[in-house]
Amino acid sequence: MPRILLIDDDEHLAAPLATYFARFDCVLDSATRPSEGLARLRTVDYDAAILDVMLPEMDGFALCREIRKESDIPIVMLTARGDVMDRVVGLEIGADDYLPKPFEPRELVARVQTILRRQRTRGTGTPVPPAQRHDFDGLVIDLDRRDVLRQGERIELTSTEFALLALLASEPGKVFNRDDILNRLRGHEADLYTRAVDIVVSRLRKKLEPLDCIKTLRNAGYTLAVGKGVA
């Protein structure tokens, strides 16, 4: 059963949300302060975290940065007033998704379920079927273990970064437009916030350097342009 941590200083939010998440076979724990949340994340094996932007001690952006120093756990940020800049900053520092307040509990559950589907359990050393692995020149993407090797070195990707790379690798050379990427990664019709895709692509490109394999086709979208490696 997935275990989620909510970090939000609204003491009246956690209990009803926990009851709602339980209807979908998810356990929702809560912390009202970032220090408490960080302590829980270090001692409990959570599957995802939900962070409010407005928090005591440090804001949700600073908290997201602290979590990203230690973990690639999927993160959904609750952004005040749906401010576009809140969304941009959250995605730039490594959040996987965002949801403006006020929100419907069902939509929050749907967002969490989507990133949990993308965050697959790592393998145990068993050989991976060919369909679950993409080998390119300088780049190996292991879908089963969720591992990415750049020139033989393993790199850490967030859930969204990995899902985007896996999508592009599924059809190398195909151009995916921004709206299609948003909808494919979230698993449902998304608001057309195309800037979000640009931000995730930018983060992914930096992590893949010195490889230059994600190409932008102006007014069209993105494609993975990399040669096939030797299996």
Protein backbone atom coordinates (compact mmCIF):
# COMPACT_ATOMS: atom_id res chain seq x y z
CA MET A 1 0.00 0.00 0.00
CA PRO A 2 1.58 3.33 -1.04
CA ARG A 3 2.57 5.63 1.82
CA ILE A 4 2.48 9.38 1.18
CA LEU A 5 3.75 12.24 3.34
CA LEU A 6 1.87 15.55 3.38
CA ILE A 7 3.85 18.55 4.69
CA ASP A 8 1.38 21.39 5.25
CA ASP A 9 0.88 23.64 8.26
CA ASP A 10 -2.91 23.59 7.89
CA GLU A 11 -3.80 21.28 10.78
CA HIS A 12 -7.37 20.88 9.51
CA LEU A 13 -6.31 19.53 6.11
CA ALA A 14 -4.51 16.30 6.99
CA ALA A 15 -7.31 14.29 8.63
CA PRO A 16 -9.94 14.59 5.86
CA LEU A 17 -7.29 14.07 3.18
CA ALA A 18 -6.02 10.95 4.95
CA THR A 19 -9.57 9.58 5.02
CA TYR A 20 -9.99 10.33 1.32
CA PHE A 21 -6.64 8.78 0.34
CA ALA A 22 -7.57 5.63 2.29
CA ARG A 23 -10.47 5.11 -0.14
CA PHE A 24 -7.84 4.59 -2.82
CA ASP A 25 -5.68 2.25 -0.71
CA CYS A 26 -3.10 4.91 0.13
CA VAL A 27 -1.79 5.82 3.58
CA LEU A 28 -1.36 9.57 4.07
CA ASP A 29 0.84 10.72 6.95
CA SER A 30 1.30 14.38 7.77
CA ALA A 31 3.75 16.87 9.23
CA THR A 32 3.06 20.55 9.89
CA ARG A 33 6.68 21.71 9.91
CA PRO A 34 9.51 21.13 7.41
CA SER A 35 11.90 19.89 10.10
CA GLU A 36 9.38 17.25 11.14
CA GLY A 37 8.77 16.31 7.52
CA LEU A 38 12.48 15.92 6.76
CA ALA A 39 12.91 13.74 9.86
CA ARG A 40 10.04 11.51 8.73
CA LEU A 41 11.41 11.22 5.20
CA ARG A 42 14.76 10.10 6.61
CA THR A 43 13.26 7.37 8.77
CA VAL A 44 10.19 6.15 6.84
CA ASP A 45 10.18 4.70 3.33
CA TYR A 46 7.62 6.99 1.69
CA ASP A 47 6.50 6.58 -1.91
CA ALA A 48 5.77 10.27 -2.53
CA ALA A 49 5.61 13.63 -0.79
CA ILE A 50 3.14 16.53 -1.05
CA LEU A 51 4.56 19.95 -0.11
CA ASP A 52 2.73 23.20 0.49
CA VAL A 53 4.57 26.30 -0.71
CA MET A 54 3.67 28.41 2.34
CA LEU A 55 5.32 26.80 5.35
CA PRO A 56 6.97 27.93 8.61
CA GLU A 57 10.76 27.49 9.10
CA MET A 58 11.32 27.41 5.33
CA ASP A 59 9.05 27.66 2.33
CA GLY A 60 8.12 24.71 0.15
CA PHE A 61 10.73 25.60 -2.46
CA ALA A 62 13.58 25.47 0.06
CA LEU A 63 12.14 22.25 1.46
CA CYS A 64 12.01 20.72 -2.03
CA ARG A 65 15.69 21.63 -2.52
CA GLU A 66 16.59 19.95 0.78
CA ILE A 67 14.71 16.79 -0.15
CA ARG A 68 16.35 16.69 -3.58
CA LYS A 69 19.80 16.71 -1.96
CA GLU A 70 18.99 13.32 -0.44
CA SER A 71 16.21 11.69 -2.45
CA ASP A 72 14.50 11.38 -5.84
CA ILE A 73 11.13 10.69 -4.20
CA PRO A 74 8.22 12.00 -6.32
CA ILE A 75 7.08 15.43 -5.13
CA VAL A 76 3.79 17.23 -5.75
CA MET A 77 3.72 20.89 -4.74
CA LEU A 78 0.59 22.73 -3.63
CA THR A 79 0.98 26.23 -5.04
CA ALA A 80 -0.76 29.23 -3.52
CA ARG A 81 -3.33 30.90 -5.75
CA GLY A 82 -2.15 28.86 -8.74
CA ASP A 83 0.60 31.44 -9.34
CA VAL A 84 2.43 30.56 -12.57
CA MET A 85 5.76 31.60 -11.03
CA ASP A 86 5.16 29.18 -8.16
CA ARG A 87 4.73 26.40 -10.72
CA VAL A 88 7.83 27.43 -12.67
CA VAL A 89 10.05 27.61 -9.59
CA GLY A 90 8.71 24.32 -8.24
CA LEU A 91 9.44 22.47 -11.47
CA GLU A 92 12.85 24.09 -11.85
CA ILE A 93 14.02 22.83 -8.46
CA GLY A 94 12.86 19.27 -9.03
CA ALA A 95 9.16 18.92 -8.22
CA ASP A 96 7.32 16.35 -10.36
CA ASP A 97 3.93 18.07 -10.47
CA TYR A 98 1.98 20.97 -9.02
CA LEU A 99 -1.60 21.62 -7.99
CA PRO A 100 -3.05 25.09 -7.28
CA LYS A 101 -4.96 25.72 -4.07
CA PRO A 102 -7.85 25.34 -3.52
CA PHE A 103 -8.00 21.89 -5.05
CA GLU A 104 -10.35 18.93 -5.26
CA PRO A 105 -9.08 15.91 -3.23
CA ARG A 106 -9.85 13.61 -6.17
CA GLU A 107 -7.50 15.57 -8.41
CA LEU A 108 -4.71 15.43 -5.84
CA VAL A 109 -5.15 11.66 -5.56
CA ALA A 110 -5.09 11.39 -9.37
CA ARG A 111 -1.84 13.39 -9.59
CA VAL A 112 -0.22 11.24 -6.91
CA GLN A 113 -1.42 8.00 -8.51
CA THR A 114 0.04 9.11 -11.84
CA ILE A 115 3.52 9.77 -10.49
CA LEU A 116 3.40 6.55 -8.45
CA ARG A 117 2.75 4.62 -11.65
CA ARG A 118 5.84 6.24 -13.11
CA GLN A 119 7.94 5.56 -10.03
CA ARG A 120 8.48 1.85 -10.55
CA THR A 121 10.27 -0.39 -8.09
CA ARG A 122 13.95 -0.92 -8.85
CA GLY A 123 15.05 -4.32 -10.04
CA THR A 124 16.96 -6.91 -8.03
CA GLY A 125 19.66 -7.82 -10.52
CA THR A 126 17.57 -10.10 -12.75
CA PRO A 127 18.42 -9.65 -16.45
CA VAL A 128 16.06 -7.23 -18.12
CA PRO A 129 14.18 -8.23 -21.30
CA PRO A 130 15.36 -6.28 -24.35
CA ALA A 131 12.06 -4.38 -24.60
CA GLN A 132 12.72 -2.95 -21.14
CA ARG A 133 16.09 -1.45 -22.05
CA HIS A 134 17.20 1.17 -24.57
CA ASP A 135 20.88 1.21 -25.61
CA PHE A 136 22.20 4.25 -27.42
CA ASP A 137 25.66 5.67 -28.02
CA GLY A 138 26.69 6.90 -24.57
CA LEU A 139 23.23 6.46 -23.09
CA VAL A 140 21.53 3.41 -21.54
CA ILE A 141 17.95 3.59 -20.22
CA ASP A 142 16.84 0.64 -18.11
CA LEU A 143 13.06 0.90 -17.82
CA ASP A 144 12.65 -1.93 -15.33
CA ARG A 145 15.21 -0.68 -12.83
CA ARG A 146 14.64 2.99 -13.65
CA ASP A 147 18.38 3.42 -14.16
CA VAL A 148 20.02 5.78 -16.63
CA LEU A 149 23.70 5.48 -17.51
CA ARG A 150 25.40 8.42 -19.19
CA GLN A 151 28.74 7.33 -20.65
CA GLY A 152 28.78 4.50 -18.13
CA GLU A 153 27.94 6.69 -15.12
CA ARG A 154 24.59 6.38 -13.36
CA ILE A 155 22.70 9.66 -13.06
CA GLU A 156 19.86 10.53 -10.71
CA LEU A 157 16.60 11.60 -12.33
CA THR A 158 13.31 12.64 -10.79
CA SER A 159 10.21 10.64 -11.66
CA THR A 160 9.13 13.20 -14.25
CA GLU A 161 12.59 13.50 -15.82
CA PHE A 162 12.82 9.73 -16.18
CA ALA A 163 9.31 9.49 -17.62
CA LEU A 164 10.10 12.18 -20.19
CA LEU A 165 13.35 10.50 -21.22
CA ALA A 166 11.62 7.11 -21.47
CA LEU A 167 8.89 8.64 -23.64
CA LEU A 168 11.39 10.21 -26.04
CA ALA A 169 13.43 6.99 -26.12
CA SER A 170 10.37 4.92 -26.97
CA GLU A 171 10.43 6.36 -30.50
CA PRO A 172 13.84 7.95 -31.24
CA GLY A 173 13.58 10.55 -33.96
CA LYS A 174 9.86 11.13 -33.44
CA VAL A 175 8.94 14.71 -32.56
CA PHE A 176 6.71 14.98 -29.47
CA ASN A 177 4.93 18.30 -29.08
CA ARG A 178 4.61 19.93 -25.67
CA ASP A 179 0.89 19.34 -25.21
CA ASP A 180 1.24 15.67 -26.10
CA ILE A 181 4.10 15.30 -23.61
CA LEU A 182 2.06 16.88 -20.82
CA ASN A 183 -0.92 14.64 -21.46
CA ARG A 184 1.16 11.47 -21.90
CA LEU A 185 3.13 12.00 -18.69
CA ARG A 186 0.19 12.90 -16.51
CA GLY A 187 -2.12 10.29 -17.92
CA HIS A 188 -5.04 12.67 -18.26
CA GLU A 189 -5.89 15.92 -20.02
CA ALA A 190 -3.61 18.57 -18.57
CA ASP A 191 -3.96 22.32 -18.55
CA LEU A 192 -1.90 23.60 -21.46
CA TYR A 193 0.99 24.83 -19.36
CA THR A 194 3.66 24.18 -21.98
CA ARG A 195 6.33 26.06 -20.05
CA ALA A 196 6.38 23.08 -17.66
CA VAL A 197 7.68 20.81 -20.42
CA ASP A 198 10.42 23.29 -21.33
CA ILE A 199 11.58 23.39 -17.71
CA VAL A 200 11.76 19.60 -17.34
CA VAL A 201 13.60 19.30 -20.68
CA SER A 202 16.11 21.92 -19.54
CA ARG A 203 16.75 20.04 -16.28
CA LEU A 204 17.13 16.75 -18.14
CA ARG A 205 19.55 18.22 -20.67
CA LYS A 206 21.82 19.47 -17.91
CA LYS A 207 21.93 16.04 -16.31
CA LEU A 208 22.71 14.36 -19.64
CA GLU A 209 25.65 16.67 -20.44
CA PRO A 210 28.03 16.31 -22.24
CA LEU A 211 25.59 14.26 -24.35
CA ASP A 212 23.55 16.52 -26.61
CA CYS A 213 20.77 14.15 -27.56
CA ILE A 214 17.52 16.02 -26.88
CA LYS A 215 16.83 18.27 -29.85
CA THR A 216 14.33 21.10 -30.12
CA LEU A 217 12.42 21.53 -33.35
CA ARG A 218 11.16 25.08 -33.34
CA ASN A 219 7.38 25.36 -33.14
CA ALA A 220 7.17 21.55 -33.20
CA GLY A 221 8.53 19.97 -30.03
CA TYR A 222 11.31 17.68 -28.85
CA THR A 223 12.97 14.54 -30.12
CA LEU A 224 15.68 12.14 -28.99
CA ALA A 225 18.46 12.19 -31.58
CA VAL A 226 21.06 9.61 -30.63
CA GLY A 227 22.60 6.63 -32.39
CA LYS A 228 21.94 3.06 -31.39
CA GLY A 229 24.63 1.50 -29.20
CA VAL A 230 25.95 -2.03 -29.24
CA ALA A 231 23.90 -4.34 -27.02
